[in-house]
């Protein structure tokens, strides 16, 4: 059984927002509480 979960719509929107603001992948991952490899 897998313990992985998909990104929610709100997480995807946050990622787009932070990318547009110039945040690094590592900082975005910390802010949304996910691994940067996600």
C-alpha atoms as a PDB file:
ATOM      1  CA  UNK A   1       0.000   0.000   0.000  1.00  0.00           C
ATOM      2  CA  UNK A   2       1.393   3.389  -0.999  1.00  0.00           C
ATOM      3  CA  UNK A   3       1.636   6.213   1.512  1.00  0.00           C
ATOM      4  CA  UNK A   4       2.060   8.912  -1.124  1.00  0.00           C
ATOM      5  CA  UNK A   5      -0.570  11.587  -1.720  1.00  0.00           C
ATOM      6  CA  UNK A   6      -1.189  13.818  -4.698  1.00  0.00           C
ATOM      7  CA  UNK A   7      -0.692  17.559  -4.508  1.00  0.00           C
ATOM      8  CA  UNK A   8      -3.937  19.340  -3.764  1.00  0.00           C
ATOM      9  CA  UNK A   9      -5.233  22.107  -5.984  1.00  0.00           C
ATOM     10  CA  UNK A  10      -4.357  24.685  -3.333  1.00  0.00           C
ATOM     11  CA  UNK A  11      -0.794  23.315  -3.081  1.00  0.00           C
ATOM     12  CA  UNK A  12      -0.439  23.527  -6.866  1.00  0.00           C
ATOM     13  CA  UNK A  13      -1.686  27.117  -6.813  1.00  0.00           C
ATOM     14  CA  UNK A  14       0.801  27.999  -4.067  1.00  0.00           C
ATOM     15  CA  UNK A  15       3.629  26.450  -6.069  1.00  0.00           C
ATOM     16  CA  UNK A  16       2.714  28.540  -9.118  1.00  0.00           C
ATOM     17  CA  UNK A  17       2.475  31.664  -6.964  1.00  0.00           C
ATOM     18  CA  UNK A  18       5.864  31.112  -5.321  1.00  0.00           C
ATOM     19  CA  UNK A  19       7.509  30.248  -8.665  1.00  0.00           C
ATOM     20  CA  UNK A  20       6.162  33.493 -10.124  1.00  0.00           C
ATOM     21  CA  UNK A  21       7.660  35.367  -7.156  1.00  0.00           C
ATOM     22  CA  UNK A  22      11.077  33.794  -7.823  1.00  0.00           C
ATOM     23  CA  UNK A  23      11.263  31.388  -4.886  1.00  0.00           C
ATOM     24  CA  UNK A  24      13.576  28.384  -5.189  1.00  0.00           C
ATOM     25  CA  UNK A  25      12.170  24.858  -5.285  1.00  0.00           C
ATOM     26  CA  UNK A  26      13.677  24.213  -1.836  1.00  0.00           C
ATOM     27  CA  UNK A  27      12.007  27.260  -0.289  1.00  0.00           C
ATOM     28  CA  UNK A  28       8.666  26.403  -1.876  1.00  0.00           C
ATOM     29  CA  UNK A  29       8.896  22.858  -0.514  1.00  0.00           C
ATOM     30  CA  UNK A  30       9.561  24.183   2.995  1.00  0.00           C
ATOM     31  CA  UNK A  31       6.634  26.615   2.777  1.00  0.00           C
ATOM     32  CA  UNK A  32       4.094  23.991   1.683  1.00  0.00           C
ATOM     33  CA  UNK A  33       5.531  21.231   3.891  1.00  0.00           C
ATOM     34  CA  UNK A  34       6.470  18.836   1.105  1.00  0.00           C
ATOM     35  CA  UNK A  35       9.678  17.216  -0.055  1.00  0.00           C
ATOM     36  CA  UNK A  36      11.414  19.202  -2.783  1.00  0.00           C
ATOM     37  CA  UNK A  37      11.435  16.056  -4.914  1.00  0.00           C
ATOM     38  CA  UNK A  38       7.631  16.153  -5.009  1.00  0.00           C
END
